[in-house]
Amino acid sequence: MTQRAILCPRCRRLIGSEETTCSWCGTSRSASWWLFMNWSRGALDSDWLVKAIITVNVLYFALSLVLSAGAGRSGGFLSPGQTNLLLLGATGTYPIDHFGRYWTLLSANYLHGGILHLVFNLMALNQIAPKVSGEYGSSRMFSIYTVGGVLGYIVSYLAGVPFTIGASAAVCSLIGALLYYGKSRGGVYGSSVYREVSGWVVSLFIFGLIFPGINNWGHGGGILGGIVVAALMGYNERRRENYFDQALALLCGLATLGVLGWAVMGVYLYG
C-alpha cells in the first residue's frame, strides 16, 4: 500500500510519500506516534496555562467590581469605577507621569472596563494562544504575551494615551508572533498562517476606526512587540524550548503576580 505525504510531527514540514524520514530535521516517519504523544502532553500544559491566564483576568475583574461597589465608585452595570481602575493598575500618561506607576505597564493587561470588554478579549485569547503555543511552546507563548503586552503599552504611553486598560495589547502580541512565524517559515503552511493572521490585523484596524475609545496604539504596539519578542526567541522549528525559556516564563509569572498583588495592597492602603 502506498504511503501518503504527512506533516512532520517535529518540525511541521511536509514528508513526501516517497520519503522515510523528514528531509528537514531527519525525523523518521515511524517516530510519529511517539512525538505525537509528547506533543499531546505539551498541549495539555498549554491548555492549563491558557486557562490560568483567563482565570487571573476573570478574578481580577471580579475584584475590581467588588472593590468599586464597596467604595460606592461603580462605573455602571458590571463595570468598575475609574478610581478603582487607577488604583488597581490602569496605565497611560496620567498614572505614569503623575504618580510614577511604571509597573502599570504590566498590570493594565489584566484590567477591563466592563463585562463585554473582558469577554471579547478572553475569547480572542482562547482562540489565539493555543496556536502560538503550538508553534512556539507554552513557555515562550506566555513570555510573548507578557513582554509583548508591556511593549504595547509602552508604545501607547509614548503616543500620549492618558488612561488605558485591557488584555488586547497582550493578545495582539500573540497575533504579532503568528505574523512573524508565518512570514519567517514561508511555504504553503507558513503562507496560510500569515494570510489568516493578516486578516485578523485588518479586522482590528477596521474595528478601531469604527468604535470610539479603542486604543489603536496599544494594539499596534502589541503586534510590533510580539514580532520583536518572537524573532528574538525563535519558534519550535528553529529550536526547541529549553530551560531558559521556562525560567523566563516563570519570571514573567512571578512579576505578574507580584505586580497585581502590589496593586491590591495599594487599594487597601490608599483607597
Protein backbone atom coordinates (compact mmCIF):
# COMPACT_ATOMS: atom_id res chain seq x y z
CA MET A 1 0.00 0.00 0.00
CA THR A 2 1.43 3.39 -0.99
CA GLN A 3 2.04 5.69 1.96
CA ARG A 4 0.78 9.24 1.78
CA ALA A 5 2.55 12.52 2.42
CA ILE A 6 2.29 13.76 6.02
CA LEU A 7 3.37 16.74 8.08
CA CYS A 8 6.42 16.00 10.19
CA PRO A 9 5.27 15.92 13.84
CA ARG A 10 8.51 17.57 14.96
CA CYS A 11 9.10 20.44 12.53
CA ARG A 12 5.69 20.54 10.79
CA ARG A 13 7.23 20.46 7.30
CA LEU A 14 5.99 18.07 4.62
CA ILE A 15 7.34 14.50 4.46
CA GLY A 16 6.82 13.24 0.89
CA SER A 17 5.15 9.95 0.11
CA GLU A 18 8.48 8.54 -1.12
CA GLU A 19 10.46 9.66 1.95
CA THR A 20 11.09 7.56 5.07
CA THR A 21 12.47 10.48 7.08
CA CYS A 22 11.89 14.23 7.13
CA SER A 23 14.35 15.92 4.78
CA TRP A 24 14.37 18.99 7.05
CA CYS A 25 15.00 17.58 10.53
CA GLY A 26 15.67 13.88 9.93
CA THR A 27 12.73 12.59 11.97
CA SER A 28 11.57 9.10 10.99
CA ARG A 29 8.00 8.56 9.88
CA SER A 30 7.82 5.64 12.33
CA ALA A 31 8.57 8.02 15.21
CA SER A 32 5.38 9.96 14.53
CA TRP A 33 3.32 8.24 17.23
CA TRP A 34 5.98 8.88 19.93
CA LEU A 35 6.34 12.53 19.01
CA PHE A 36 2.58 12.92 18.85
CA MET A 37 2.28 11.64 22.44
CA ASN A 38 4.92 14.12 23.59
CA TRP A 39 3.20 16.93 21.69
CA SER A 40 -0.10 15.96 23.32
CA ARG A 41 1.38 16.24 26.79
CA GLY A 42 2.72 19.66 25.84
CA ALA A 43 -0.72 20.68 24.57
CA LEU A 44 -2.20 19.81 27.95
CA ASP A 45 0.34 22.09 29.60
CA SER A 46 -0.61 24.80 27.12
CA ASP A 47 -4.31 24.34 27.87
CA TRP A 48 -3.61 24.69 31.58
CA LEU A 49 -1.61 27.88 31.04
CA VAL A 50 -4.28 29.50 28.85
CA LYS A 51 -6.91 28.65 31.45
CA ALA A 52 -4.70 30.12 34.17
CA ILE A 53 -4.35 33.41 32.27
CA ILE A 54 -8.10 33.53 31.71
CA THR A 55 -8.76 32.76 35.39
CA VAL A 56 -6.47 35.55 36.60
CA ASN A 57 -8.21 38.01 34.25
CA VAL A 58 -11.66 36.96 35.48
CA LEU A 59 -10.69 37.05 39.16
CA TYR A 60 -9.06 40.47 38.82
CA PHE A 61 -12.12 41.80 37.03
CA ALA A 62 -14.38 40.40 39.77
CA LEU A 63 -12.15 42.02 42.39
CA SER A 64 -12.37 45.37 40.61
CA LEU A 65 -16.18 45.12 40.68
CA VAL A 66 -16.28 44.20 44.37
CA LEU A 67 -13.91 46.98 45.37
CA SER A 68 -15.78 49.54 43.28
CA ALA A 69 -19.15 48.51 44.73
CA GLY A 70 -17.78 48.54 48.27
CA ALA A 71 -16.39 52.04 47.85
CA GLY A 72 -19.50 53.31 46.07
CA ARG A 73 -17.48 54.01 42.93
CA SER A 74 -19.08 51.65 40.43
CA GLY A 75 -18.87 52.64 36.79
CA GLY A 76 -22.24 51.10 35.96
CA PHE A 77 -23.64 47.61 35.46
CA LEU A 78 -20.75 45.13 35.73
CA SER A 79 -18.27 47.96 35.22
CA PRO A 80 -15.68 49.04 37.79
CA GLY A 81 -15.21 52.72 38.55
CA GLN A 82 -12.36 54.76 37.09
CA THR A 83 -10.82 55.45 40.50
CA ASN A 84 -10.54 51.78 41.33
CA LEU A 85 -9.18 51.01 37.88
CA LEU A 86 -6.49 53.61 38.51
CA LEU A 87 -5.67 52.14 41.90
CA LEU A 88 -5.61 48.58 40.56
CA GLY A 89 -3.12 49.40 37.84
CA ALA A 90 -4.54 51.20 34.81
CA THR A 91 -1.70 52.65 32.75
CA GLY A 92 -1.14 55.64 30.47
CA THR A 93 0.46 59.07 30.70
CA TYR A 94 -1.70 60.07 33.68
CA PRO A 95 -0.80 57.20 36.06
CA ILE A 96 2.86 57.14 34.97
CA ASP A 97 3.66 60.87 34.70
CA HIS A 98 1.67 61.98 37.76
CA PHE A 99 2.30 59.06 40.11
CA GLY A 100 5.36 57.26 38.69
CA ARG A 101 3.42 54.00 38.37
CA TYR A 102 5.60 52.37 35.72
CA TRP A 103 4.57 48.91 36.90
CA THR A 104 1.12 49.57 35.46
CA LEU A 105 2.55 48.74 32.02
CA LEU A 106 2.15 45.12 33.18
CA SER A 107 -0.91 45.29 35.45
CA ALA A 108 -3.09 47.06 32.85
CA ASN A 109 -3.05 43.86 30.79
CA TYR A 110 -5.27 42.24 33.44
CA LEU A 111 -7.80 45.05 33.90
CA HIS A 112 -11.05 45.52 31.98
CA GLY A 113 -13.62 48.27 31.91
CA GLY A 114 -16.73 46.11 31.54
CA ILE A 115 -18.04 42.60 31.03
CA LEU A 116 -18.11 42.84 27.21
CA HIS A 117 -14.57 44.19 27.19
CA LEU A 118 -13.48 41.19 29.26
CA VAL A 119 -15.41 38.60 27.24
CA PHE A 120 -14.18 39.78 23.83
CA ASN A 121 -10.54 39.84 24.93
CA LEU A 122 -10.70 36.42 26.58
CA MET A 123 -12.46 34.88 23.59
CA ALA A 124 -9.66 36.15 21.36
CA LEU A 125 -7.04 34.89 23.82
CA ASN A 126 -8.64 31.45 23.96
CA GLN A 127 -8.56 31.24 20.16
CA ILE A 128 -5.08 32.61 19.52
CA ALA A 129 -2.95 31.46 22.47
CA PRO A 130 -3.16 27.70 21.65
CA LYS A 131 -2.00 28.43 18.09
CA VAL A 132 1.02 30.33 19.41
CA SER A 133 1.77 27.56 21.93
CA GLY A 134 1.67 25.04 19.10
CA GLU A 135 4.40 26.86 17.16
CA TYR A 136 6.48 28.35 19.99
CA GLY A 137 5.71 26.19 23.05
CA SER A 138 3.73 27.25 26.11
CA SER A 139 6.65 28.92 27.93
CA ARG A 140 7.55 31.17 25.01
CA MET A 141 3.87 31.89 24.40
CA PHE A 142 3.48 33.26 27.94
CA SER A 143 6.67 35.31 27.67
CA ILE A 144 5.48 36.79 24.37
CA TYR A 145 2.09 37.53 25.95
CA THR A 146 3.65 39.26 28.95
CA VAL A 147 6.57 41.14 27.39
CA GLY A 148 4.66 41.94 24.20
CA GLY A 149 1.78 43.36 26.23
CA VAL A 150 4.17 45.61 28.15
CA LEU A 151 5.79 46.80 24.91
CA GLY A 152 2.33 47.53 23.51
CA TYR A 153 1.54 49.80 26.43
CA ILE A 154 4.94 51.47 26.15
CA VAL A 155 4.06 52.43 22.58
CA SER A 156 0.65 53.61 23.83
CA TYR A 157 2.34 55.72 26.50
CA LEU A 158 4.78 57.26 24.02
CA ALA A 159 1.81 58.11 21.79
CA GLY A 160 0.29 60.08 24.66
CA VAL A 161 -2.69 57.89 25.55
CA PRO A 162 -3.69 59.18 29.02
CA PHE A 163 -5.57 56.23 30.52
CA THR A 164 -5.89 52.69 29.19
CA ILE A 165 -6.54 49.08 30.25
CA GLY A 166 -7.26 45.67 28.74
CA ALA A 167 -5.65 42.41 27.65
CA SER A 168 -5.84 43.40 23.99
CA ALA A 169 -2.24 44.66 23.84
CA ALA A 170 -1.02 41.27 25.10
CA VAL A 171 -3.40 39.38 22.80
CA CYS A 172 -2.17 41.46 19.87
CA SER A 173 1.40 40.47 20.76
CA LEU A 174 0.37 36.85 20.15
CA ILE A 175 -1.02 37.92 16.78
CA GLY A 176 2.33 39.56 16.05
CA ALA A 177 4.12 36.33 16.95
CA LEU A 178 1.99 34.39 14.47
CA LEU A 179 2.61 37.04 11.81
CA TYR A 180 6.34 36.63 12.30
CA TYR A 181 6.06 32.83 12.27
CA GLY A 182 4.07 32.75 9.04
CA LYS A 183 6.35 35.18 7.25
CA SER A 184 9.56 33.59 8.54
CA ARG A 185 8.57 29.98 7.93
CA GLY A 186 7.17 30.51 4.47
CA GLY A 187 5.99 27.61 2.37
CA VAL A 188 2.37 26.57 2.00
CA TYR A 189 1.73 26.26 5.72
CA GLY A 190 3.55 29.46 6.71
CA SER A 191 1.83 31.45 3.98
CA SER A 192 -1.53 30.12 5.13
CA VAL A 193 -0.85 31.23 8.72
CA TYR A 194 0.33 34.63 7.54
CA ARG A 195 -2.77 35.22 5.41
CA GLU A 196 -5.12 34.19 8.20
CA VAL A 197 -3.42 36.39 10.80
CA SER A 198 -3.19 39.31 8.37
CA GLY A 199 -6.98 39.12 8.16
CA TRP A 200 -7.18 39.50 11.94
CA VAL A 201 -4.94 42.57 11.77
CA VAL A 202 -7.14 44.19 9.11
CA SER A 203 -10.24 43.44 11.21
CA LEU A 204 -8.60 45.00 14.25
CA PHE A 205 -7.75 48.12 12.26
CA ILE A 206 -11.31 48.47 10.94
CA PHE A 207 -12.75 47.79 14.40
CA GLY A 208 -10.52 50.53 15.85
CA LEU A 209 -11.68 53.04 13.25
CA ILE A 210 -15.38 52.32 13.74
CA PHE A 211 -15.65 52.18 17.53
CA PRO A 212 -14.53 55.09 19.74
CA GLY A 213 -12.31 54.54 22.75
CA ILE A 214 -10.24 51.76 21.17
CA ASN A 215 -6.53 52.03 21.97
CA ASN A 216 -5.15 51.50 18.48
CA TRP A 217 -1.68 52.49 19.66
CA GLY A 218 -1.79 49.68 22.20
CA HIS A 219 -2.97 47.22 19.56
CA GLY A 220 -0.31 48.26 17.07
CA GLY A 221 2.36 48.34 19.75
CA GLY A 222 1.35 44.87 20.91
CA ILE A 223 1.63 43.46 17.39
CA LEU A 224 5.04 45.07 16.93
CA GLY A 225 6.16 43.88 20.37
CA GLY A 226 5.04 40.35 19.60
CA ILE A 227 7.00 40.35 16.34
CA VAL A 228 10.15 41.57 18.08
CA VAL A 229 9.95 39.14 21.02
CA ALA A 230 9.08 36.21 18.74
CA ALA A 231 12.01 36.98 16.45
CA LEU A 232 14.38 37.07 19.43
CA MET A 233 13.06 33.84 20.98
CA GLY A 234 12.51 31.76 17.86
CA TYR A 235 9.93 29.04 17.28
CA ASN A 236 9.88 25.25 17.52
CA GLU A 237 11.10 24.56 14.00
CA ARG A 238 14.25 26.60 14.65
CA ARG A 239 14.92 25.43 18.19
CA ARG A 240 13.07 23.57 20.90
CA GLU A 241 12.09 25.18 24.19
CA ASN A 242 14.82 24.99 26.83
CA TYR A 243 15.38 25.81 30.48
CA PHE A 244 15.99 29.46 29.68
CA ASP A 245 12.54 29.73 28.07
CA GLN A 246 10.96 28.07 31.10
CA ALA A 247 12.87 30.32 33.51
CA LEU A 248 11.81 33.44 31.59
CA ALA A 249 8.17 32.34 31.64
CA LEU A 250 8.43 31.70 35.39
CA LEU A 251 9.92 35.16 35.86
CA CYS A 252 7.04 36.68 33.86
CA GLY A 253 4.55 34.80 36.02
CA LEU A 254 6.16 35.91 39.28
CA ALA A 255 6.36 39.51 38.04
CA THR A 256 2.68 39.42 37.08
CA LEU A 257 1.54 38.04 40.43
CA GLY A 258 3.83 40.44 42.28
CA VAL A 259 2.53 43.49 40.42
CA LEU A 260 -1.12 42.51 40.80
CA GLY A 261 -0.58 41.78 44.50
CA TRP A 262 1.13 45.16 44.93
CA ALA A 263 -1.79 46.88 43.25
CA VAL A 264 -4.37 45.19 45.51
CA MET A 265 -2.31 46.09 48.57
CA GLY A 266 -2.25 49.69 47.39
CA VAL A 267 -6.04 49.76 47.14
CA TYR A 268 -6.38 48.77 50.78
CA LEU A 269 -3.63 51.13 51.94
CA TYR A 270 -4.55 54.22 49.93
CA GLY A 271 -8.05 53.56 48.59
